[in-house]
Amino acid sequence: MASKKSMNESFLASMKSTEVCSWFELNVMRRTGFYLAWFANKLDIHPNTITILSMILGAGSTWFFMSGSWYYGYGEQGDKMLGVAFNIIAIGMLFWADVLDNTDGQLARLSGKRSRVGRILDGAAGFVWMIPIYLGLAWRIYQHHSMEFGWFGIDDTPRNALIYGLAVLALTFYSGFVGCGGQQRVGDYYMQVHLLFSKEANGTELDSSEQQQQAYDQLPADAKWWERLFMKNYINYTKTQERTTPKLQKLLAKLKEKYGSVNNMPESLRQQLHDYSLPIIHLDFTGFSYRALSLAFFVLIDFPLGQFLFESIVLGLGTLYTIKRHEAFCEKVTREL
């Protein structure tokens, strides 16, 4: 049995960085993920298998999210206890999907089984969860809306229900693809950029669209169709990250021009970039934490529409603030260089 010291050293080795984690994320999510990764490594389980399990678990929570609630209950009898139980199960499944989403990266670092496909799969996991969950919630709102109609004195007719359902579906697509998708894309990018500036970090996975395009062009002729599809989507993903952060791209280009590589920058400059980006990472408007907590809250009070509004408005404005703040600093440093 490994000693407590060696296990703790292995835990730290499994992390990209500890400073970017909140207490709960570090001591609950990441610790749990580490023990799962340690066990999976003993069984020679590949990190991509863990990622796929995360996708299945997260997407599978959709049925429990959409099938019951405390106000409408479940089934023809309107069993309220069962409705609440289903929602709690859904939240639990999403929690464990997120734990496994941490586990795959920790396992990759512990086992050395890192791959480009694994990186792409890991980045796609959140979308694989949230797309079916959000569509399931939109269906739930269409099916059960008498509480909201009662608030505004709207007659619950088939025509009004259809109009309401279509409006909710439009908001769902905006919240999911522009809100959730855009926010997570920015959050992932800023995290990797911060790790690039962090002396304590255990590596970064910062990808450029140019590098990914070169890797795509070098794929063998017999490469699997799904690998080509994943890589093509990932190229578009990184291009969107770069378009969203033009001042950051100028800073990275300037650092490369002046020092040959970002890794060759002076320690004082690296520390300056690190110290500025860390509070932005801790603010975490773009991350999963706020979204998961708000989703649990709005689902349990039986107002899932609130999740789409919160994500589109509150988290949307927070993300714009984060980008503006980060871009302003990048522009300042680029001028000074």
C-alpha atoms as a PDB file:
ATOM      1  CA  MET A   1       0.000   0.000   0.000  1.00  0.00           C
ATOM      2  CA  ALA A   2       1.448   3.389  -0.979  1.00  0.00           C
ATOM      3  CA  SER A   3       2.364   5.757   1.860  1.00  0.00           C
ATOM      4  CA  LYS A   4       0.311   8.860   2.532  1.00  0.00           C
ATOM      5  CA  LYS A   5       3.250  11.019   1.392  1.00  0.00           C
ATOM      6  CA  SER A   6       3.713   9.176  -1.895  1.00  0.00           C
ATOM      7  CA  MET A   7      -0.036   9.259  -2.562  1.00  0.00           C
ATOM      8  CA  ASN A   8      -0.061  13.008  -1.980  1.00  0.00           C
ATOM      9  CA  GLU A   9       2.907  13.423  -4.329  1.00  0.00           C
ATOM     10  CA  SER A  10       1.050  11.368  -6.934  1.00  0.00           C
ATOM     11  CA  PHE A  11      -2.028  13.530  -6.408  1.00  0.00           C
ATOM     12  CA  LEU A  12      -0.036  16.705  -7.061  1.00  0.00           C
ATOM     13  CA  ALA A  13       1.566  15.083 -10.118  1.00  0.00           C
ATOM     14  CA  SER A  14      -1.918  14.326 -11.465  1.00  0.00           C
ATOM     15  CA  MET A  15      -2.883  18.010 -11.361  1.00  0.00           C
ATOM     16  CA  LYS A  16      -2.187  20.673 -13.934  1.00  0.00           C
ATOM     17  CA  SER A  17      -2.162  23.221 -11.126  1.00  0.00           C
ATOM     18  CA  THR A  18      -3.558  23.479  -7.599  1.00  0.00           C
ATOM     19  CA  GLU A  19      -3.692  27.267  -7.367  1.00  0.00           C
ATOM     20  CA  VAL A  20      -6.519  27.593  -9.886  1.00  0.00           C
ATOM     21  CA  CYS A  21      -8.863  25.340  -7.866  1.00  0.00           C
ATOM     22  CA  SER A  22     -11.303  26.404  -5.173  1.00  0.00           C
ATOM     23  CA  TRP A  23     -11.186  24.530  -1.845  1.00  0.00           C
ATOM     24  CA  PHE A  24     -14.166  22.360  -2.844  1.00  0.00           C
ATOM     25  CA  GLU A  25     -12.808  21.595  -6.291  1.00  0.00           C
ATOM     26  CA  LEU A  26      -9.343  20.721  -4.964  1.00  0.00           C
ATOM     27  CA  ASN A  27     -10.312  18.723  -1.877  1.00  0.00           C
ATOM     28  CA  VAL A  28     -13.517  17.072  -3.080  1.00  0.00           C
ATOM     29  CA  MET A  29     -13.694  16.966  -6.879  1.00  0.00           C
ATOM     30  CA  ARG A  30      -9.993  16.573  -7.646  1.00  0.00           C
ATOM     31  CA  ARG A  31      -9.208  14.322  -4.693  1.00  0.00           C
ATOM     32  CA  THR A  32     -12.059  12.005  -5.634  1.00  0.00           C
ATOM     33  CA  GLY A  33     -10.935  12.119  -9.254  1.00  0.00           C
ATOM     34  CA  PHE A  34      -7.398  11.233  -8.231  1.00  0.00           C
ATOM     35  CA  TYR A  35      -8.402   8.102  -6.309  1.00  0.00           C
ATOM     36  CA  LEU A  36     -10.547   6.997  -9.249  1.00  0.00           C
ATOM     37  CA  ALA A  37      -7.626   7.706 -11.598  1.00  0.00           C
ATOM     38  CA  TRP A  38      -5.201   5.798  -9.362  1.00  0.00           C
ATOM     39  CA  PHE A  39      -7.541   2.799  -9.318  1.00  0.00           C
ATOM     40  CA  ALA A  40      -8.160   3.002 -13.081  1.00  0.00           C
ATOM     41  CA  ASN A  41      -4.416   3.155 -13.708  1.00  0.00           C
ATOM     42  CA  LYS A  42      -3.950  -0.058 -11.714  1.00  0.00           C
ATOM     43  CA  LEU A  43      -6.545  -1.695 -13.984  1.00  0.00           C
ATOM     44  CA  ASP A  44      -4.860  -0.252 -17.113  1.00  0.00           C
ATOM     45  CA  ILE A  45      -8.012   1.638 -18.118  1.00  0.00           C
ATOM     46  CA  HIS A  46      -7.403   4.228 -20.831  1.00  0.00           C
ATOM     47  CA  PRO A  47      -8.249   7.901 -20.063  1.00  0.00           C
ATOM     48  CA  ASN A  48     -10.488   8.060 -23.145  1.00  0.00           C
ATOM     49  CA  THR A  49     -12.645   5.311 -21.636  1.00  0.00           C
ATOM     50  CA  ILE A  50     -13.181   7.506 -18.560  1.00  0.00           C
ATOM     51  CA  THR A  51     -14.084  10.461 -20.805  1.00  0.00           C
ATOM     52  CA  ILE A  52     -16.685   8.400 -22.662  1.00  0.00           C
ATOM     53  CA  LEU A  53     -18.147   7.178 -19.355  1.00  0.00           C
ATOM     54  CA  SER A  54     -18.388  10.814 -18.287  1.00  0.00           C
ATOM     55  CA  MET A  55     -20.278  11.648 -21.475  1.00  0.00           C
ATOM     56  CA  ILE A  56     -22.695   8.734 -21.018  1.00  0.00           C
ATOM     57  CA  LEU A  57     -23.362   9.597 -17.371  1.00  0.00           C
ATOM     58  CA  GLY A  58     -23.838  13.317 -18.014  1.00  0.00           C
ATOM     59  CA  ALA A  59     -26.074  12.828 -21.061  1.00  0.00           C
ATOM     60  CA  GLY A  60     -27.959  10.038 -19.263  1.00  0.00           C
ATOM     61  CA  SER A  61     -29.015  12.466 -16.533  1.00  0.00           C
ATOM     62  CA  THR A  62     -31.290  14.124 -19.110  1.00  0.00           C
ATOM     63  CA  TRP A  63     -34.139  11.663 -18.553  1.00  0.00           C
ATOM     64  CA  PHE A  64     -34.147  12.323 -14.805  1.00  0.00           C
ATOM     65  CA  PHE A  65     -33.974  16.083 -15.323  1.00  0.00           C
ATOM     66  CA  MET A  66     -36.961  16.118 -17.664  1.00  0.00           C
ATOM     67  CA  SER A  67     -39.172  13.449 -16.091  1.00  0.00           C
ATOM     68  CA  GLY A  68     -40.262  14.914 -12.768  1.00  0.00           C
ATOM     69  CA  SER A  69     -40.315  17.879 -10.408  1.00  0.00           C
ATOM     70  CA  TRP A  70     -41.583  18.892  -6.963  1.00  0.00           C
ATOM     71  CA  TYR A  71     -44.446  21.022  -8.321  1.00  0.00           C
ATOM     72  CA  TYR A  72     -45.781  18.748 -11.080  1.00  0.00           C
ATOM     73  CA  GLY A  73     -44.581  15.444  -9.641  1.00  0.00           C
ATOM     74  CA  TYR A  74     -44.056  12.402 -11.827  1.00  0.00           C
ATOM     75  CA  GLY A  75     -46.493  10.400 -13.935  1.00  0.00           C
ATOM     76  CA  GLU A  76     -50.255  10.610 -14.127  1.00  0.00           C
ATOM     77  CA  GLN A  77     -50.564  10.504 -10.343  1.00  0.00           C
ATOM     78  CA  GLY A  78     -48.223  13.484  -9.978  1.00  0.00           C
ATOM     79  CA  ASP A  79     -46.003  11.776  -7.394  1.00  0.00           C
ATOM     80  CA  LYS A  80     -44.116  14.761  -5.959  1.00  0.00           C
ATOM     81  CA  MET A  81     -41.621  12.735  -3.902  1.00  0.00           C
ATOM     82  CA  LEU A  82     -40.652  10.723  -6.966  1.00  0.00           C
ATOM     83  CA  GLY A  83     -40.377  13.899  -9.019  1.00  0.00           C
ATOM     84  CA  VAL A  84     -37.951  15.426  -6.512  1.00  0.00           C
ATOM     85  CA  ALA A  85     -36.024  12.136  -6.265  1.00  0.00           C
ATOM     86  CA  PHE A  86     -35.545  12.064 -10.048  1.00  0.00           C
ATOM     87  CA  ASN A  87     -34.152  15.597 -10.021  1.00  0.00           C
ATOM     88  CA  ILE A  88     -31.748  14.758  -7.181  1.00  0.00           C
ATOM     89  CA  ILE A  89     -30.589  11.671  -9.096  1.00  0.00           C
ATOM     90  CA  ALA A  90     -30.015  13.859 -12.164  1.00  0.00           C
ATOM     91  CA  ILE A  91     -27.921  16.327 -10.164  1.00  0.00           C
ATOM     92  CA  GLY A  92     -25.936  13.439  -8.679  1.00  0.00           C
ATOM     93  CA  MET A  93     -25.279  11.955 -12.111  1.00  0.00           C
ATOM     94  CA  LEU A  94     -24.073  15.327 -13.400  1.00  0.00           C
ATOM     95  CA  PHE A  95     -21.806  15.699 -10.356  1.00  0.00           C
ATOM     96  CA  TRP A  96     -20.178  12.320 -11.024  1.00  0.00           C
ATOM     97  CA  ALA A  97     -19.908  13.120 -14.740  1.00  0.00           C
ATOM     98  CA  ASP A  98     -17.922  16.221 -13.759  1.00  0.00           C
ATOM     99  CA  VAL A  99     -15.746  14.168 -11.380  1.00  0.00           C
ATOM    100  CA  LEU A 100     -14.991  11.732 -14.202  1.00  0.00           C
ATOM    101  CA  ASP A 101     -14.250  14.679 -16.490  1.00  0.00           C
ATOM    102  CA  ASN A 102     -11.505  15.604 -14.004  1.00  0.00           C
ATOM    103  CA  THR A 103     -10.441  11.976 -13.615  1.00  0.00           C
ATOM    104  CA  ASP A 104      -9.576  11.458 -17.279  1.00  0.00           C
ATOM    105  CA  GLY A 105      -6.977  14.237 -17.280  1.00  0.00           C
ATOM    106  CA  GLN A 106      -5.525  13.099 -13.958  1.00  0.00           C
ATOM    107  CA  LEU A 107      -5.315   9.542 -15.278  1.00  0.00           C
ATOM    108  CA  ALA A 108      -3.609  10.755 -18.468  1.00  0.00           C
ATOM    109  CA  ARG A 109      -0.934  12.509 -16.412  1.00  0.00           C
ATOM    110  CA  LEU A 110      -0.484   9.565 -14.030  1.00  0.00           C
ATOM    111  CA  SER A 111      -0.260   6.967 -16.802  1.00  0.00           C
ATOM    112  CA  GLY A 112       1.424   9.061 -19.475  1.00  0.00           C
ATOM    113  CA  LYS A 113      -1.368   8.092 -21.899  1.00  0.00           C
ATOM    114  CA  ARG A 114      -1.932  11.507 -23.410  1.00  0.00           C
ATOM    115  CA  SER A 115      -3.267  11.914 -26.929  1.00  0.00           C
ATOM    116  CA  ARG A 116      -4.670  14.556 -29.218  1.00  0.00           C
ATOM    117  CA  VAL A 117      -7.930  12.613 -29.486  1.00  0.00           C
ATOM    118  CA  GLY A 118      -8.121  12.517 -25.695  1.00  0.00           C
ATOM    119  CA  ARG A 119      -7.692  16.286 -25.497  1.00  0.00           C
ATOM    120  CA  ILE A 120     -10.438  16.798 -28.083  1.00  0.00           C
ATOM    121  CA  LEU A 121     -12.768  14.327 -26.374  1.00  0.00           C
ATOM    122  CA  ASP A 122     -12.207  16.009 -23.027  1.00  0.00           C
ATOM    123  CA  GLY A 123     -13.061  19.399 -24.497  1.00  0.00           C
ATOM    124  CA  ALA A 124     -16.238  17.990 -26.046  1.00  0.00           C
ATOM    125  CA  ALA A 125     -17.505  16.266 -22.888  1.00  0.00           C
ATOM    126  CA  GLY A 126     -19.317  19.297 -21.475  1.00  0.00           C
ATOM    127  CA  PHE A 127     -21.182  19.846 -24.735  1.00  0.00           C
ATOM    128  CA  VAL A 128     -22.210  16.181 -24.867  1.00  0.00           C
ATOM    129  CA  TRP A 129     -23.792  16.581 -21.418  1.00  0.00           C
ATOM    130  CA  MET A 130     -25.412  19.953 -21.791  1.00  0.00           C
ATOM    131  CA  ILE A 131     -27.003  19.691 -25.245  1.00  0.00           C
ATOM    132  CA  PRO A 132     -29.355  16.811 -24.344  1.00  0.00           C
ATOM    133  CA  ILE A 133     -29.939  18.194 -20.822  1.00  0.00           C
ATOM    134  CA  TYR A 134     -30.975  21.594 -22.167  1.00  0.00           C
ATOM    135  CA  LEU A 135     -33.211  20.096 -24.855  1.00  0.00           C
ATOM    136  CA  GLY A 136     -34.760  17.839 -22.206  1.00  0.00           C
ATOM    137  CA  LEU A 137     -35.448  20.846 -19.973  1.00  0.00           C
ATOM    138  CA  ALA A 138     -37.002  22.707 -22.921  1.00  0.00           C
ATOM    139  CA  TRP A 139     -39.356  19.745 -23.416  1.00  0.00           C
ATOM    140  CA  ARG A 140     -40.138  19.723 -19.687  1.00  0.00           C
ATOM    141  CA  ILE A 141     -41.029  23.427 -19.803  1.00  0.00           C
ATOM    142  CA  TYR A 142     -43.273  22.871 -22.828  1.00  0.00           C
ATOM    143  CA  GLN A 143     -45.052  20.002 -21.085  1.00  0.00           C
ATOM    144  CA  HIS A 144     -45.355  21.681 -17.680  1.00  0.00           C
ATOM    145  CA  HIS A 145     -45.837  25.436 -17.612  1.00  0.00           C
ATOM    146  CA  SER A 146     -49.089  26.089 -15.703  1.00  0.00           C
ATOM    147  CA  MET A 147     -47.162  27.705 -12.835  1.00  0.00           C
ATOM    148  CA  GLU A 148     -45.569  30.310 -15.124  1.00  0.00           C
ATOM    149  CA  PHE A 149     -48.793  30.874 -17.070  1.00  0.00           C
ATOM    150  CA  GLY A 150     -50.544  31.466 -13.760  1.00  0.00           C
ATOM    151  CA  TRP A 151     -48.025  34.151 -12.792  1.00  0.00           C
ATOM    152  CA  PHE A 152     -48.776  36.187 -15.916  1.00  0.00           C
ATOM    153  CA  GLY A 153     -52.457  35.301 -16.345  1.00  0.00           C
ATOM    154  CA  ILE A 154     -51.913  33.468 -19.647  1.00  0.00           C
ATOM    155  CA  ASP A 155     -54.586  30.986 -20.745  1.00  0.00           C
ATOM    156  CA  ASP A 156     -53.129  27.480 -20.992  1.00  0.00           C
ATOM    157  CA  THR A 157     -54.356  26.750 -24.503  1.00  0.00           C
ATOM    158  CA  PRO A 158     -52.563  24.520 -27.061  1.00  0.00           C
ATOM    159  CA  ARG A 159     -51.788  27.599 -29.173  1.00  0.00           C
ATOM    160  CA  ASN A 160     -50.268  29.535 -26.268  1.00  0.00           C
ATOM    161  CA  ALA A 161     -48.351  26.459 -25.134  1.00  0.00           C
ATOM    162  CA  LEU A 162     -46.900  26.022 -28.649  1.00  0.00           C
ATOM    163  CA  ILE A 163     -45.844  29.684 -28.896  1.00  0.00           C
ATOM    164  CA  TYR A 164     -44.309  29.481 -25.433  1.00  0.00           C
ATOM    165  CA  GLY A 165     -42.555  26.216 -26.259  1.00  0.00           C
ATOM    166  CA  LEU A 166     -41.018  27.631 -29.451  1.00  0.00           C
ATOM    167  CA  ALA A 167     -39.842  30.762 -27.604  1.00  0.00           C
ATOM    168  CA  VAL A 168     -38.272  28.584 -24.909  1.00  0.00           C
ATOM    169  CA  LEU A 169     -36.602  26.414 -27.567  1.00  0.00           C
ATOM    170  CA  ALA A 170     -35.064  29.511 -29.175  1.00  0.00           C
ATOM    171  CA  LEU A 171     -33.793  30.662 -25.781  1.00  0.00           C
ATOM    172  CA  THR A 172     -32.483  27.151 -25.124  1.00  0.00           C
ATOM    173  CA  PHE A 173     -30.400  27.186 -28.308  1.00  0.00           C
ATOM    174  CA  TYR A 174     -29.036  30.641 -27.480  1.00  0.00           C
ATOM    175  CA  SER A 175     -28.304  29.678 -23.883  1.00  0.00           C
ATOM    176  CA  GLY A 176     -26.720  26.374 -24.886  1.00  0.00           C
ATOM    177  CA  PHE A 177     -24.635  27.256 -27.918  1.00  0.00           C
ATOM    178  CA  VAL A 178     -23.901  30.969 -27.388  1.00  0.00           C
ATOM    179  CA  GLY A 179     -24.077  30.962 -23.586  1.00  0.00           C
ATOM    180  CA  CYS A 180     -22.826  27.616 -22.295  1.00  0.00           C
ATOM    181  CA  GLY A 181     -20.762  26.792 -25.390  1.00  0.00           C
ATOM    182  CA  GLY A 182     -19.180  30.226 -25.726  1.00  0.00           C
ATOM    183  CA  GLN A 183     -18.495  30.620 -22.016  1.00  0.00           C
ATOM    184  CA  GLN A 184     -16.866  27.213 -21.637  1.00  0.00           C
ATOM    185  CA  ARG A 185     -14.793  27.792 -24.758  1.00  0.00           C
ATOM    186  CA  VAL A 186     -13.426  31.066 -23.362  1.00  0.00           C
ATOM    187  CA  GLY A 187     -12.937  29.589 -19.892  1.00  0.00           C
ATOM    188  CA  ASP A 188     -10.949  26.642 -21.204  1.00  0.00           C
ATOM    189  CA  TYR A 189      -8.742  28.942 -23.261  1.00  0.00           C
ATOM    190  CA  TYR A 190      -7.993  31.348 -20.418  1.00  0.00           C
ATOM    191  CA  MET A 191      -7.184  28.406 -18.155  1.00  0.00           C
ATOM    192  CA  GLN A 192      -4.624  27.050 -20.629  1.00  0.00           C
ATOM    193  CA  VAL A 193      -3.132  30.525 -21.137  1.00  0.00           C
ATOM    194  CA  HIS A 194      -2.793  30.957 -17.380  1.00  0.00           C
ATOM    195  CA  LEU A 195      -1.022  27.603 -17.094  1.00  0.00           C
ATOM    196  CA  LEU A 196       1.379  28.815 -19.774  1.00  0.00           C
ATOM    197  CA  PHE A 197       2.314  31.691 -17.436  1.00  0.00           C
ATOM    198  CA  SER A 198       2.338  29.601 -14.263  1.00  0.00           C
ATOM    199  CA  LYS A 199       5.635  28.341 -12.879  1.00  0.00           C
ATOM    200  CA  GLU A 200       3.802  25.893 -10.611  1.00  0.00           C
ATOM    201  CA  ALA A 201       1.710  24.325 -13.375  1.00  0.00           C
ATOM    202  CA  ASN A 202       2.224  20.740 -14.514  1.00  0.00           C
ATOM    203  CA  GLY A 203       2.065  21.551 -18.214  1.00  0.00           C
ATOM    204  CA  THR A 204      -0.460  23.315 -20.405  1.00  0.00           C
ATOM    205  CA  GLU A 205      -2.614  22.112 -23.289  1.00  0.00           C
ATOM    206  CA  LEU A 206      -2.749  25.434 -25.134  1.00  0.00           C
ATOM    207  CA  ASP A 207      -3.462  24.649 -28.766  1.00  0.00           C
ATOM    208  CA  SER A 208      -3.366  26.941 -31.781  1.00  0.00           C
ATOM    209  CA  SER A 209      -5.554  26.478 -34.839  1.00  0.00           C
ATOM    210  CA  GLU A 210      -2.428  26.593 -37.022  1.00  0.00           C
ATOM    211  CA  GLN A 211      -0.840  23.682 -35.124  1.00  0.00           C
ATOM    212  CA  GLN A 212      -4.072  21.705 -35.229  1.00  0.00           C
ATOM    213  CA  GLN A 213      -4.462  22.329 -38.969  1.00  0.00           C
ATOM    214  CA  GLN A 214      -0.928  21.037 -39.545  1.00  0.00           C
ATOM    215  CA  ALA A 215      -1.706  17.933 -37.482  1.00  0.00           C
ATOM    216  CA  TYR A 216      -4.901  17.424 -39.492  1.00  0.00           C
ATOM    217  CA  ASP A 217      -3.031  17.752 -42.801  1.00  0.00           C
ATOM    218  CA  GLN A 218      -0.535  15.121 -41.620  1.00  0.00           C
ATOM    219  CA  LEU A 219      -3.168  12.504 -40.818  1.00  0.00           C
ATOM    220  CA  PRO A 220      -2.551   9.263 -42.725  1.00  0.00           C
ATOM    221  CA  ALA A 221      -4.851   8.452 -45.623  1.00  0.00           C
ATOM    222  CA  ASP A 222      -6.420   5.594 -43.660  1.00  0.00           C
ATOM    223  CA  ALA A 223      -7.250   7.732 -40.599  1.00  0.00           C
ATOM    224  CA  LYS A 224     -10.676   7.023 -39.106  1.00  0.00           C
ATOM    225  CA  TRP A 225     -13.524   9.260 -40.272  1.00  0.00           C
ATOM    226  CA  TRP A 226     -14.466  10.107 -36.700  1.00  0.00           C
ATOM    227  CA  GLU A 227     -10.893  11.220 -35.932  1.00  0.00           C
ATOM    228  CA  ARG A 228     -10.968  13.540 -38.935  1.00  0.00           C
ATOM    229  CA  LEU A 229     -14.360  14.896 -37.852  1.00  0.00           C
ATOM    230  CA  PHE A 230     -13.232  15.489 -34.271  1.00  0.00           C
ATOM    231  CA  MET A 231     -10.059  17.234 -35.406  1.00  0.00           C
ATOM    232  CA  LYS A 232     -11.903  19.401 -37.928  1.00  0.00           C
ATOM    233  CA  ASN A 233     -14.331  20.511 -35.231  1.00  0.00           C
ATOM    234  CA  TYR A 234     -11.442  21.140 -32.861  1.00  0.00           C
ATOM    235  CA  ILE A 235      -9.715  23.347 -35.424  1.00  0.00           C
ATOM    236  CA  ASN A 236     -12.882  25.450 -35.642  1.00  0.00           C
ATOM    237  CA  TYR A 237     -13.067  25.447 -31.833  1.00  0.00           C
ATOM    238  CA  THR A 238      -9.546  26.863 -31.483  1.00  0.00           C
ATOM    239  CA  LYS A 239     -10.129  29.378 -34.282  1.00  0.00           C
ATOM    240  CA  THR A 240     -13.149  30.716 -32.411  1.00  0.00           C
ATOM    241  CA  GLN A 241     -11.068  30.985 -29.219  1.00  0.00           C
ATOM    242  CA  GLU A 242      -8.477  33.010 -31.106  1.00  0.00           C
ATOM    243  CA  ARG A 243     -11.051  35.282 -32.765  1.00  0.00           C
ATOM    244  CA  THR A 244     -12.581  36.010 -29.348  1.00  0.00           C
ATOM    245  CA  THR A 245      -9.209  37.126 -27.907  1.00  0.00           C
ATOM    246  CA  PRO A 246      -7.466  39.315 -30.535  1.00  0.00           C
ATOM    247  CA  LYS A 247      -5.392  41.341 -28.019  1.00  0.00           C
ATOM    248  CA  LEU A 248      -4.189  38.130 -26.373  1.00  0.00           C
ATOM    249  CA  GLN A 249      -3.140  36.776 -29.787  1.00  0.00           C
ATOM    250  CA  LYS A 250      -1.104  39.950 -30.400  1.00  0.00           C
ATOM    251  CA  LEU A 251       0.561  39.548 -26.994  1.00  0.00           C
ATOM    252  CA  LEU A 252       1.477  35.895 -27.645  1.00  0.00           C
ATOM    253  CA  ALA A 253       2.838  36.832 -31.087  1.00  0.00           C
ATOM    254  CA  LYS A 254       4.860  39.690 -29.561  1.00  0.00           C
ATOM    255  CA  LEU A 255       6.330  37.407 -26.880  1.00  0.00           C
ATOM    256  CA  LYS A 256       7.324  34.875 -29.532  1.00  0.00           C
ATOM    257  CA  GLU A 257       8.836  37.619 -31.724  1.00  0.00           C
ATOM    258  CA  LYS A 258      10.833  39.183 -28.878  1.00  0.00           C
ATOM    259  CA  TYR A 259      11.953  36.095 -26.949  1.00  0.00           C
ATOM    260  CA  GLY A 260      11.746  33.337 -29.557  1.00  0.00           C
ATOM    261  CA  SER A 261       9.307  31.461 -27.336  1.00  0.00           C
ATOM    262  CA  VAL A 262       6.834  32.325 -24.599  1.00  0.00           C
ATOM    263  CA  ASN A 263       8.868  30.051 -22.324  1.00  0.00           C
ATOM    264  CA  ASN A 264      11.905  32.336 -22.702  1.00  0.00           C
ATOM    265  CA  MET A 265      10.262  35.461 -21.316  1.00  0.00           C
ATOM    266  CA  PRO A 266      11.887  37.115 -18.262  1.00  0.00           C
ATOM    267  CA  GLU A 267      10.746  35.818 -14.878  1.00  0.00           C
ATOM    268  CA  SER A 268       9.460  39.267 -13.863  1.00  0.00           C
ATOM    269  CA  LEU A 269       7.195  39.407 -16.920  1.00  0.00           C
ATOM    270  CA  ARG A 270       5.989  35.848 -16.425  1.00  0.00           C
ATOM    271  CA  GLN A 271       5.128  36.693 -12.819  1.00  0.00           C
ATOM    272  CA  GLN A 272       3.272  39.837 -13.914  1.00  0.00           C
ATOM    273  CA  LEU A 273       1.172  37.883 -16.429  1.00  0.00           C
ATOM    274  CA  HIS A 274       0.544  35.132 -13.884  1.00  0.00           C
ATOM    275  CA  ASP A 275      -0.502  37.519 -11.115  1.00  0.00           C
ATOM    276  CA  TYR A 276      -2.974  39.278 -13.366  1.00  0.00           C
ATOM    277  CA  SER A 277      -4.619  36.207 -14.856  1.00  0.00           C
ATOM    278  CA  LEU A 278      -5.039  34.303 -11.563  1.00  0.00           C
ATOM    279  CA  PRO A 279      -7.905  36.479 -10.188  1.00  0.00           C
ATOM    280  CA  ILE A 280      -9.694  36.136 -13.526  1.00  0.00           C
ATOM    281  CA  ILE A 281      -9.434  32.346 -13.309  1.00  0.00           C
ATOM    282  CA  HIS A 282     -10.751  32.441  -9.729  1.00  0.00           C
ATOM    283  CA  LEU A 283     -13.661  34.676 -10.797  1.00  0.00           C
ATOM    284  CA  ASP A 284     -14.696  31.808 -13.079  1.00  0.00           C
ATOM    285  CA  PHE A 285     -17.784  33.303 -14.767  1.00  0.00           C
ATOM    286  CA  THR A 286     -16.981  31.039 -17.703  1.00  0.00           C
ATOM    287  CA  GLY A 287     -16.503  27.793 -15.788  1.00  0.00           C
ATOM    288  CA  PHE A 288     -18.746  24.906 -14.841  1.00  0.00           C
ATOM    289  CA  SER A 289     -19.214  25.756 -11.150  1.00  0.00           C
ATOM    290  CA  TYR A 290     -21.730  28.614 -11.445  1.00  0.00           C
ATOM    291  CA  ARG A 291     -23.600  26.789 -14.190  1.00  0.00           C
ATOM    292  CA  ALA A 292     -23.892  23.545 -12.222  1.00  0.00           C
ATOM    293  CA  LEU A 293     -25.037  25.301  -9.036  1.00  0.00           C
ATOM    294  CA  SER A 294     -27.601  27.423 -10.857  1.00  0.00           C
ATOM    295  CA  LEU A 295     -28.884  24.400 -12.793  1.00  0.00           C
ATOM    296  CA  ALA A 296     -29.398  22.445  -9.557  1.00  0.00           C
ATOM    297  CA  PHE A 297     -31.137  25.421  -7.945  1.00  0.00           C
ATOM    298  CA  PHE A 298     -33.544  26.214 -10.783  1.00  0.00           C
ATOM    299  CA  VAL A 299     -34.398  22.573 -11.409  1.00  0.00           C
ATOM    300  CA  LEU A 300     -35.151  21.908  -7.735  1.00  0.00           C
ATOM    301  CA  ILE A 301     -37.424  24.976  -7.427  1.00  0.00           C
ATOM    302  CA  ASP A 302     -39.114  23.835 -10.647  1.00  0.00           C
ATOM    303  CA  PHE A 303     -38.198  26.886 -12.708  1.00  0.00           C
ATOM    304  CA  PRO A 304     -35.728  25.526 -15.316  1.00  0.00           C
ATOM    305  CA  LEU A 305     -36.414  28.552 -17.509  1.00  0.00           C
ATOM    306  CA  GLY A 306     -34.466  30.504 -14.898  1.00  0.00           C
ATOM    307  CA  GLN A 307     -31.339  28.542 -15.843  1.00  0.00           C
ATOM    308  CA  PHE A 308     -31.490  29.732 -19.435  1.00  0.00           C
ATOM    309  CA  LEU A 309     -32.113  33.338 -18.351  1.00  0.00           C
ATOM    310  CA  PHE A 310     -29.329  33.234 -15.735  1.00  0.00           C
ATOM    311  CA  GLU A 311     -26.866  31.764 -18.198  1.00  0.00           C
ATOM    312  CA  SER A 312     -27.771  34.094 -21.047  1.00  0.00           C
ATOM    313  CA  ILE A 313     -27.856  37.303 -18.983  1.00  0.00           C
ATOM    314  CA  VAL A 314     -25.818  36.987 -15.770  1.00  0.00           C
ATOM    315  CA  LEU A 315     -23.109  34.586 -16.921  1.00  0.00           C
ATOM    316  CA  GLY A 316     -23.137  36.204 -20.373  1.00  0.00           C
ATOM    317  CA  LEU A 317     -22.404  39.662 -18.940  1.00  0.00           C
ATOM    318  CA  GLY A 318     -19.837  38.157 -16.569  1.00  0.00           C
ATOM    319  CA  THR A 319     -18.056  36.494 -19.473  1.00  0.00           C
ATOM    320  CA  LEU A 320     -17.999  39.736 -21.476  1.00  0.00           C
ATOM    321  CA  TYR A 321     -16.516  41.491 -18.437  1.00  0.00           C
ATOM    322  CA  THR A 322     -13.874  38.762 -18.115  1.00  0.00           C
ATOM    323  CA  ILE A 323     -12.887  39.058 -21.795  1.00  0.00           C
ATOM    324  CA  LYS A 324     -12.776  42.867 -21.673  1.00  0.00           C
ATOM    325  CA  ARG A 325     -10.626  42.834 -18.535  1.00  0.00           C
ATOM    326  CA  HIS A 326      -8.207  40.249 -19.927  1.00  0.00           C
ATOM    327  CA  GLU A 327      -7.948  41.915 -23.334  1.00  0.00           C
ATOM    328  CA  ALA A 328      -7.248  45.334 -21.777  1.00  0.00           C
ATOM    329  CA  PHE A 329      -4.329  43.928 -19.816  1.00  0.00           C
ATOM    330  CA  CYS A 330      -2.936  42.097 -22.850  1.00  0.00           C
ATOM    331  CA  GLU A 331      -3.047  45.328 -24.855  1.00  0.00           C
ATOM    332  CA  LYS A 332      -1.209  47.190 -22.043  1.00  0.00           C
ATOM    333  CA  VAL A 333       1.565  44.574 -21.808  1.00  0.00           C
ATOM    334  CA  THR A 334       1.950  44.427 -25.608  1.00  0.00           C
ATOM    335  CA  ARG A 335       2.443  48.218 -25.740  1.00  0.00           C
ATOM    336  CA  GLU A 336       5.065  48.029 -22.985  1.00  0.00           C
ATOM    337  CA  LEU A 337       6.967  45.330 -24.865  1.00  0.00           C
END
